[in-house]
Amino acid sequence: MGTRTITIEYPDELLHETDERRLAALAREAFVVKLYEQGLIGSGKGGGLLSITRWDFLDLLGAYNVSYFDEDMDLGEEMRIAQP
């Protein structure tokens, strides 16, 4: 699997609050969480992209107020999917 780079512009004054490495880590974390929220990746992939466990990634979602439940799916549909 190849990789690509995304460049993000930010004001210089942010460097007075934190360092560039921390800003890059926050941007990456937010990007991966957003990919998950949009349904583009799963929690295992999200954890892998951030080099954390799936369970740690699910915990991280709470910090971003992102539910790990599919809120667009109703309970009846979830029950049908869960049954063999």
N, C-alpha and C. Protein backbone atom coordinates (compact mmCIF):
# COMPACT_ATOMS: atom_id res chain seq x y z
N MET A 1 0.84 -1.17 0.00
CA MET A 1 0.00 0.00 0.00
C MET A 1 0.89 1.24 0.00
N GLY A 2 0.64 2.15 -0.92
CA GLY A 2 1.39 3.39 -1.00
C GLY A 2 0.83 4.42 -0.03
N THR A 3 1.52 5.50 0.09
CA THR A 3 1.05 6.58 0.95
C THR A 3 1.13 7.90 0.19
N ARG A 4 0.34 8.83 0.62
CA ARG A 4 0.31 10.19 0.05
C ARG A 4 0.43 11.17 1.20
N THR A 5 0.74 12.40 0.89
CA THR A 5 0.89 13.45 1.90
C THR A 5 -0.13 14.55 1.63
N ILE A 6 -0.74 15.05 2.70
CA ILE A 6 -1.63 16.19 2.64
C ILE A 6 -0.95 17.33 3.37
N THR A 7 -0.93 18.50 2.76
CA THR A 7 -0.32 19.67 3.38
C THR A 7 -1.42 20.57 3.93
N ILE A 8 -1.26 21.02 5.16
CA ILE A 8 -2.24 21.88 5.82
C ILE A 8 -1.56 23.19 6.20
N GLU A 9 -2.17 24.28 5.81
CA GLU A 9 -1.65 25.59 6.20
C GLU A 9 -2.24 25.98 7.55
N TYR A 10 -1.43 26.64 8.37
CA TYR A 10 -1.88 27.12 9.67
C TYR A 10 -1.08 28.37 10.02
N PRO A 11 -1.64 29.22 10.86
CA PRO A 11 -0.94 30.46 11.21
C PRO A 11 0.28 30.20 12.11
N ASP A 12 1.30 31.01 11.92
CA ASP A 12 2.54 30.87 12.70
C ASP A 12 2.30 30.95 14.21
N GLU A 13 1.31 31.74 14.63
CA GLU A 13 1.11 31.90 16.07
C GLU A 13 0.72 30.60 16.78
N LEU A 14 0.27 29.60 16.04
CA LEU A 14 -0.01 28.31 16.67
C LEU A 14 1.27 27.69 17.23
N LEU A 15 2.40 28.03 16.64
CA LEU A 15 3.66 27.48 17.13
C LEU A 15 4.06 28.07 18.47
N HIS A 16 3.40 29.16 18.89
CA HIS A 16 3.64 29.70 20.23
C HIS A 16 2.96 28.84 21.28
N GLU A 17 1.92 28.11 20.85
CA GLU A 17 1.14 27.28 21.77
C GLU A 17 1.66 25.84 21.84
N THR A 18 2.19 25.35 20.75
CA THR A 18 2.65 23.96 20.67
C THR A 18 3.70 23.85 19.57
N ASP A 19 4.27 22.68 19.40
CA ASP A 19 5.28 22.53 18.36
C ASP A 19 4.68 21.91 17.09
N GLU A 20 5.45 21.99 16.03
CA GLU A 20 4.98 21.53 14.72
C GLU A 20 4.66 20.04 14.69
N ARG A 21 5.42 19.26 15.42
CA ARG A 21 5.18 17.82 15.46
C ARG A 21 3.83 17.51 16.10
N ARG A 22 3.50 18.23 17.17
CA ARG A 22 2.20 18.04 17.85
C ARG A 22 1.05 18.47 16.94
N LEU A 23 1.21 19.57 16.22
CA LEU A 23 0.17 20.00 15.27
C LEU A 23 -0.06 18.96 14.19
N ALA A 24 1.01 18.38 13.68
CA ALA A 24 0.90 17.34 12.65
C ALA A 24 0.18 16.12 13.20
N ALA A 25 0.49 15.74 14.45
CA ALA A 25 -0.17 14.58 15.07
C ALA A 25 -1.65 14.84 15.26
N LEU A 26 -2.01 16.05 15.69
CA LEU A 26 -3.43 16.40 15.86
C LEU A 26 -4.17 16.38 14.53
N ALA A 27 -3.55 16.91 13.50
CA ALA A 27 -4.17 16.93 12.17
C ALA A 27 -4.39 15.51 11.66
N ARG A 28 -3.40 14.66 11.85
CA ARG A 28 -3.52 13.26 11.41
C ARG A 28 -4.63 12.55 12.17
N GLU A 29 -4.65 12.74 13.49
CA GLU A 29 -5.67 12.12 14.33
C GLU A 29 -7.07 12.56 13.90
N ALA A 30 -7.27 13.85 13.72
CA ALA A 30 -8.58 14.38 13.33
C ALA A 30 -8.97 13.85 11.95
N PHE A 31 -8.02 13.76 11.04
CA PHE A 31 -8.28 13.25 9.69
C PHE A 31 -8.75 11.79 9.74
N VAL A 32 -8.06 10.98 10.50
CA VAL A 32 -8.42 9.56 10.59
C VAL A 32 -9.79 9.39 11.26
N VAL A 33 -10.06 10.16 12.30
CA VAL A 33 -11.37 10.09 12.96
C VAL A 33 -12.47 10.50 11.97
N LYS A 34 -12.22 11.52 11.17
CA LYS A 34 -13.21 11.98 10.19
C LYS A 34 -13.44 10.91 9.12
N LEU A 35 -12.39 10.24 8.69
CA LEU A 35 -12.55 9.14 7.73
C LEU A 35 -13.46 8.06 8.31
N TYR A 36 -13.26 7.75 9.59
CA TYR A 36 -14.10 6.76 10.25
C TYR A 36 -15.55 7.26 10.32
N GLU A 37 -15.73 8.51 10.73
CA GLU A 37 -17.07 9.07 10.88
C GLU A 37 -17.82 9.06 9.54
N GLN A 38 -17.11 9.25 8.46
CA GLN A 38 -17.72 9.25 7.13
C GLN A 38 -17.94 7.83 6.59
N GLY A 39 -17.50 6.82 7.35
CA GLY A 39 -17.69 5.44 6.92
C GLY A 39 -16.68 4.97 5.89
N LEU A 40 -15.58 5.69 5.75
CA LEU A 40 -14.59 5.33 4.74
C LEU A 40 -13.58 4.30 5.23
N ILE A 41 -13.42 4.19 6.55
CA ILE A 41 -12.55 3.18 7.13
C ILE A 41 -13.22 2.61 8.37
N GLY A 42 -12.77 1.45 8.80
CA GLY A 42 -13.27 0.84 10.03
C GLY A 42 -12.38 1.19 11.21
N SER A 43 -12.79 0.77 12.38
CA SER A 43 -12.04 1.10 13.59
C SER A 43 -10.67 0.42 13.63
N GLY A 44 -10.57 -0.78 13.10
CA GLY A 44 -9.27 -1.45 13.06
C GLY A 44 -8.29 -0.71 12.17
N LYS A 45 -8.76 -0.26 11.01
CA LYS A 45 -7.93 0.51 10.09
C LYS A 45 -7.56 1.85 10.72
N GLY A 46 -8.52 2.48 11.38
CA GLY A 46 -8.25 3.76 12.06
C GLY A 46 -7.17 3.62 13.10
N GLY A 47 -7.27 2.58 13.92
CA GLY A 47 -6.24 2.33 14.92
C GLY A 47 -4.89 2.07 14.27
N GLY A 48 -4.90 1.28 13.21
CA GLY A 48 -3.65 0.98 12.51
C GLY A 48 -2.99 2.23 11.92
N LEU A 49 -3.80 3.11 11.35
CA LEU A 49 -3.25 4.34 10.78
C LEU A 49 -2.63 5.24 11.84
N LEU A 50 -3.15 5.16 13.06
CA LEU A 50 -2.62 5.97 14.15
C LEU A 50 -1.64 5.20 15.04
N SER A 51 -1.36 3.96 14.67
CA SER A 51 -0.45 3.09 15.43
C SER A 51 -0.91 2.89 16.87
N ILE A 52 -2.24 2.71 17.02
CA ILE A 52 -2.84 2.39 18.31
C ILE A 52 -3.76 1.20 18.11
N THR A 53 -4.21 0.59 19.20
CA THR A 53 -5.11 -0.55 19.07
C THR A 53 -6.50 -0.10 18.63
N ARG A 54 -7.26 -1.03 18.14
CA ARG A 54 -8.65 -0.74 17.75
C ARG A 54 -9.41 -0.20 18.96
N TRP A 55 -9.18 -0.77 20.13
CA TRP A 55 -9.89 -0.34 21.34
C TRP A 55 -9.51 1.07 21.74
N ASP A 56 -8.22 1.40 21.61
CA ASP A 56 -7.79 2.77 21.89
C ASP A 56 -8.39 3.75 20.88
N PHE A 57 -8.51 3.31 19.63
CA PHE A 57 -9.14 4.16 18.62
C PHE A 57 -10.61 4.41 18.97
N LEU A 58 -11.32 3.37 19.40
CA LEU A 58 -12.71 3.54 19.79
C LEU A 58 -12.83 4.50 20.97
N ASP A 59 -11.90 4.44 21.91
CA ASP A 59 -11.87 5.41 23.02
C ASP A 59 -11.62 6.83 22.50
N LEU A 60 -10.73 6.96 21.53
CA LEU A 60 -10.41 8.27 20.96
C LEU A 60 -11.63 8.92 20.31
N LEU A 61 -12.49 8.11 19.73
CA LEU A 61 -13.69 8.66 19.08
C LEU A 61 -14.50 9.51 20.04
N GLY A 62 -14.55 9.12 21.30
CA GLY A 62 -15.29 9.88 22.30
C GLY A 62 -14.74 11.28 22.48
N ALA A 63 -13.44 11.44 22.37
CA ALA A 63 -12.83 12.77 22.50
C ALA A 63 -13.27 13.69 21.37
N TYR A 64 -13.67 13.11 20.25
CA TYR A 64 -14.15 13.88 19.11
C TYR A 64 -15.68 13.86 19.00
N ASN A 65 -16.33 13.32 20.01
CA ASN A 65 -17.80 13.19 20.01
C ASN A 65 -18.32 12.44 18.80
N VAL A 66 -17.58 11.40 18.42
CA VAL A 66 -17.98 10.54 17.31
C VAL A 66 -18.41 9.21 17.89
N SER A 67 -19.61 8.79 17.56
CA SER A 67 -20.13 7.52 18.05
C SER A 67 -19.55 6.37 17.24
N TYR A 68 -19.28 5.27 17.90
CA TYR A 68 -18.83 4.10 17.14
C TYR A 68 -20.00 3.21 16.74
N PHE A 69 -21.21 3.63 17.08
CA PHE A 69 -22.41 2.94 16.61
C PHE A 69 -22.86 3.57 15.30
N ASP A 70 -23.41 2.77 14.41
CA ASP A 70 -23.95 3.30 13.17
C ASP A 70 -25.32 3.88 13.48
N GLU A 71 -25.37 5.18 13.68
CA GLU A 71 -26.61 5.83 14.10
C GLU A 71 -27.63 5.96 12.99
N ASP A 72 -27.22 5.70 11.74
CA ASP A 72 -28.16 5.76 10.62
C ASP A 72 -28.95 4.45 10.48
N MET A 73 -28.47 3.41 11.14
CA MET A 73 -29.12 2.11 11.05
C MET A 73 -30.06 1.94 12.24
N ASP A 74 -31.27 1.48 11.99
CA ASP A 74 -32.19 1.30 13.11
C ASP A 74 -31.93 -0.03 13.81
N LEU A 75 -32.44 -0.16 15.02
CA LEU A 75 -32.18 -1.33 15.85
C LEU A 75 -32.65 -2.62 15.17
N GLY A 76 -33.82 -2.59 14.52
CA GLY A 76 -34.32 -3.78 13.84
C GLY A 76 -33.38 -4.25 12.75
N GLU A 77 -32.85 -3.32 11.99
CA GLU A 77 -31.92 -3.66 10.92
C GLU A 77 -30.64 -4.24 11.51
N GLU A 78 -30.14 -3.66 12.59
CA GLU A 78 -28.94 -4.19 13.25
C GLU A 78 -29.17 -5.61 13.75
N MET A 79 -30.36 -5.88 14.30
CA MET A 79 -30.68 -7.24 14.79
C MET A 79 -30.69 -8.23 13.63
N ARG A 80 -31.26 -7.85 12.50
CA ARG A 80 -31.30 -8.75 11.34
C ARG A 80 -29.87 -9.06 10.85
N ILE A 81 -29.02 -8.06 10.84
CA ILE A 81 -27.64 -8.26 10.39
C ILE A 81 -26.89 -9.16 11.37
N ALA A 82 -27.15 -9.02 12.65
CA ALA A 82 -26.43 -9.76 13.67
C ALA A 82 -26.82 -11.24 13.72
N GLN A 83 -28.01 -11.57 13.27
CA GLN A 83 -28.46 -12.97 13.32
C GLN A 83 -27.87 -13.75 12.16
N PRO A 84 -27.41 -14.99 12.45
CA PRO A 84 -26.80 -15.83 11.40
C PRO A 84 -27.83 -16.32 10.39
